[in-house]
Amino acid sequence: MVGPGSRQRSPGLSEAWPTVVPMLDIEDRVGLLEMRVDKLATWAGPGQNEALSASLAHTRAELAKIRRTQDTHTSQLTQLKADVAGLKTDMTEVKAAIQEILRRLPPAA
């Protein structure tokens, strides 16, 4: 009760808008963060969307070039493996022929 001579206090700024936020438990804090992330907005300046689009197109083109190169290398490697297998067979035949030639040579004097 306000008596004579006492001053009635008007609400101060901190009473009208509390400056100290009450501490929340972890579940409440996580819930608030989930709501904020759900409506997360990104702010891009002028031209950033176009720059990102051009960068993605360039990256896709480079990736396609890498895939073509890898396909070429894969086919070359397959051919190389076949060639090596053929050479191994040929060398086996050469070794057998050399052994036969050495067997037919007269003994050393």
C-alpha atoms as a PDB file:
ATOM      1  CA  MET A   1       0.000   0.000   0.000  1.00  0.00           C
ATOM      2  CA  VAL A   2       1.193   3.393  -0.915  1.00  0.00           C
ATOM      3  CA  GLY A   3       1.176   5.795   1.952  1.00  0.00           C
ATOM      4  CA  PRO A   4       1.512   9.564   2.089  1.00  0.00           C
ATOM      5  CA  GLY A   5       4.942  10.744   1.246  1.00  0.00           C
ATOM      6  CA  SER A   6       5.975   7.434  -0.337  1.00  0.00           C
ATOM      7  CA  ARG A   7       6.797   7.424  -3.943  1.00  0.00           C
ATOM      8  CA  GLN A   8       5.241   4.930  -6.257  1.00  0.00           C
ATOM      9  CA  ARG A   9       7.883   3.328  -8.347  1.00  0.00           C
ATOM     10  CA  SER A  10       7.245   3.087 -12.046  1.00  0.00           C
ATOM     11  CA  PRO A  11       8.389  -0.131 -13.660  1.00  0.00           C
ATOM     12  CA  GLY A  12      11.938   0.159 -14.858  1.00  0.00           C
ATOM     13  CA  LEU A  13      13.251  -1.077 -18.159  1.00  0.00           C
ATOM     14  CA  SER A  14      14.592  -4.292 -16.649  1.00  0.00           C
ATOM     15  CA  GLU A  15      11.243  -5.020 -15.025  1.00  0.00           C
ATOM     16  CA  ALA A  16       9.305  -4.465 -18.248  1.00  0.00           C
ATOM     17  CA  TRP A  17      11.765  -6.552 -20.284  1.00  0.00           C
ATOM     18  CA  PRO A  18      13.837  -8.895 -18.218  1.00  0.00           C
ATOM     19  CA  THR A  19      17.483  -8.800 -19.183  1.00  0.00           C
ATOM     20  CA  VAL A  20      18.386 -12.029 -17.438  1.00  0.00           C
ATOM     21  CA  VAL A  21      17.099 -15.091 -19.218  1.00  0.00           C
ATOM     22  CA  PRO A  22      16.143 -17.870 -16.864  1.00  0.00           C
ATOM     23  CA  MET A  23      18.258 -21.010 -17.197  1.00  0.00           C
ATOM     24  CA  LEU A  24      16.602 -23.780 -19.145  1.00  0.00           C
ATOM     25  CA  ASP A  25      17.230 -27.458 -18.746  1.00  0.00           C
ATOM     26  CA  ILE A  26      18.987 -29.314 -21.551  1.00  0.00           C
ATOM     27  CA  GLU A  27      15.801 -30.754 -23.071  1.00  0.00           C
ATOM     28  CA  ASP A  28      14.307 -27.270 -23.442  1.00  0.00           C
ATOM     29  CA  ARG A  29      17.528 -25.888 -24.910  1.00  0.00           C
ATOM     30  CA  VAL A  30      17.787 -28.728 -27.436  1.00  0.00           C
ATOM     31  CA  GLY A  31      14.109 -28.314 -28.329  1.00  0.00           C
ATOM     32  CA  LEU A  32      14.624 -24.616 -28.996  1.00  0.00           C
ATOM     33  CA  LEU A  33      17.681 -25.342 -31.133  1.00  0.00           C
ATOM     34  CA  GLU A  34      15.754 -27.958 -33.099  1.00  0.00           C
ATOM     35  CA  MET A  35      13.036 -25.418 -33.855  1.00  0.00           C
ATOM     36  CA  ARG A  36      15.622 -22.868 -34.962  1.00  0.00           C
ATOM     37  CA  VAL A  37      17.465 -25.366 -37.178  1.00  0.00           C
ATOM     38  CA  ASP A  38      14.160 -26.509 -38.681  1.00  0.00           C
ATOM     39  CA  LYS A  39      13.633 -23.000 -39.998  1.00  0.00           C
ATOM     40  CA  LEU A  40      17.275 -22.251 -40.682  1.00  0.00           C
ATOM     41  CA  ALA A  41      17.623 -19.673 -43.396  1.00  0.00           C
ATOM     42  CA  THR A  42      20.721 -18.896 -45.318  1.00  0.00           C
ATOM     43  CA  TRP A  43      21.394 -15.384 -46.421  1.00  0.00           C
ATOM     44  CA  ALA A  44      23.234 -15.011 -49.661  1.00  0.00           C
ATOM     45  CA  GLY A  45      24.321 -11.777 -51.209  1.00  0.00           C
ATOM     46  CA  PRO A  46      23.641 -10.770 -54.784  1.00  0.00           C
ATOM     47  CA  GLY A  47      25.113 -13.184 -57.300  1.00  0.00           C
ATOM     48  CA  GLN A  48      26.030 -15.886 -54.799  1.00  0.00           C
ATOM     49  CA  ASN A  49      23.359 -18.294 -56.034  1.00  0.00           C
ATOM     50  CA  GLU A  50      24.558 -17.873 -59.617  1.00  0.00           C
ATOM     51  CA  ALA A  51      28.188 -18.315 -58.540  1.00  0.00           C
ATOM     52  CA  LEU A  52      27.311 -21.494 -56.660  1.00  0.00           C
ATOM     53  CA  SER A  53      25.357 -22.795 -59.645  1.00  0.00           C
ATOM     54  CA  ALA A  54      28.264 -22.084 -62.004  1.00  0.00           C
ATOM     55  CA  SER A  55      30.697 -23.713 -59.583  1.00  0.00           C
ATOM     56  CA  LEU A  56      28.538 -26.836 -59.342  1.00  0.00           C
ATOM     57  CA  ALA A  57      28.250 -27.029 -63.141  1.00  0.00           C
ATOM     58  CA  HIS A  58      32.034 -26.711 -63.442  1.00  0.00           C
ATOM     59  CA  THR A  59      32.559 -29.388 -60.781  1.00  0.00           C
ATOM     60  CA  ARG A  60      30.154 -31.740 -62.571  1.00  0.00           C
ATOM     61  CA  ALA A  61      31.964 -31.175 -65.881  1.00  0.00           C
ATOM     62  CA  GLU A  62      35.329 -31.879 -64.244  1.00  0.00           C
ATOM     63  CA  LEU A  63      33.922 -35.018 -62.620  1.00  0.00           C
ATOM     64  CA  ALA A  64      32.610 -36.223 -66.003  1.00  0.00           C
ATOM     65  CA  LYS A  65      36.075 -35.660 -67.481  1.00  0.00           C
ATOM     66  CA  ILE A  66      37.652 -37.645 -64.635  1.00  0.00           C
ATOM     67  CA  ARG A  67      35.184 -40.493 -65.201  1.00  0.00           C
ATOM     68  CA  ARG A  68      35.983 -40.591 -68.931  1.00  0.00           C
ATOM     69  CA  THR A  69      39.702 -40.666 -68.144  1.00  0.00           C
ATOM     70  CA  GLN A  70      39.179 -43.435 -65.598  1.00  0.00           C
ATOM     71  CA  ASP A  71      37.151 -45.462 -68.121  1.00  0.00           C
ATOM     72  CA  THR A  72      39.959 -45.048 -70.677  1.00  0.00           C
ATOM     73  CA  HIS A  73      42.563 -46.122 -68.139  1.00  0.00           C
ATOM     74  CA  THR A  74      40.453 -49.122 -67.114  1.00  0.00           C
ATOM     75  CA  SER A  75      40.223 -50.343 -70.704  1.00  0.00           C
ATOM     76  CA  GLN A  76      43.953 -49.751 -71.241  1.00  0.00           C
ATOM     77  CA  LEU A  77      44.757 -51.656 -68.059  1.00  0.00           C
ATOM     78  CA  THR A  78      42.574 -54.563 -69.180  1.00  0.00           C
ATOM     79  CA  GLN A  79      44.427 -54.668 -72.509  1.00  0.00           C
ATOM     80  CA  LEU A  80      47.772 -54.431 -70.736  1.00  0.00           C
ATOM     81  CA  LYS A  81      46.890 -57.386 -68.487  1.00  0.00           C
ATOM     82  CA  ALA A  82      45.993 -59.438 -71.555  1.00  0.00           C
ATOM     83  CA  ASP A  83      49.272 -58.452 -73.233  1.00  0.00           C
ATOM     84  CA  VAL A  84      51.293 -59.402 -70.148  1.00  0.00           C
ATOM     85  CA  ALA A  85      49.552 -62.769 -69.960  1.00  0.00           C
ATOM     86  CA  GLY A  86      50.448 -63.349 -73.633  1.00  0.00           C
ATOM     87  CA  LEU A  87      54.061 -62.365 -73.004  1.00  0.00           C
ATOM     88  CA  LYS A  88      54.304 -64.748 -70.070  1.00  0.00           C
ATOM     89  CA  THR A  89      53.086 -67.566 -72.284  1.00  0.00           C
ATOM     90  CA  ASP A  90      55.537 -66.569 -75.007  1.00  0.00           C
ATOM     91  CA  MET A  91      58.428 -66.496 -72.531  1.00  0.00           C
ATOM     92  CA  THR A  92      57.549 -69.975 -71.306  1.00  0.00           C
ATOM     93  CA  GLU A  93      57.746 -71.169 -74.912  1.00  0.00           C
ATOM     94  CA  VAL A  94      61.072 -69.328 -75.438  1.00  0.00           C
ATOM     95  CA  LYS A  95      62.551 -70.900 -72.299  1.00  0.00           C
ATOM     96  CA  ALA A  96      61.472 -74.342 -73.471  1.00  0.00           C
ATOM     97  CA  ALA A  97      62.992 -73.712 -76.937  1.00  0.00           C
ATOM     98  CA  ILE A  98      66.293 -72.513 -75.423  1.00  0.00           C
ATOM     99  CA  GLN A  99      66.461 -75.594 -73.188  1.00  0.00           C
ATOM    100  CA  GLU A 100      65.887 -77.804 -76.241  1.00  0.00           C
ATOM    101  CA  ILE A 101      68.634 -75.972 -78.182  1.00  0.00           C
ATOM    102  CA  LEU A 102      71.055 -76.284 -75.277  1.00  0.00           C
ATOM    103  CA  ARG A 103      70.231 -79.987 -74.953  1.00  0.00           C
ATOM    104  CA  ARG A 104      71.053 -80.565 -78.640  1.00  0.00           C
ATOM    105  CA  LEU A 105      74.398 -78.764 -78.508  1.00  0.00           C
ATOM    106  CA  PRO A 106      77.439 -80.982 -78.394  1.00  0.00           C
ATOM    107  CA  PRO A 107      79.094 -81.168 -74.992  1.00  0.00           C
ATOM    108  CA  ALA A 108      81.760 -78.607 -74.263  1.00  0.00           C
ATOM    109  CA  ALA A 109      85.293 -79.808 -75.024  1.00  0.00           C
END
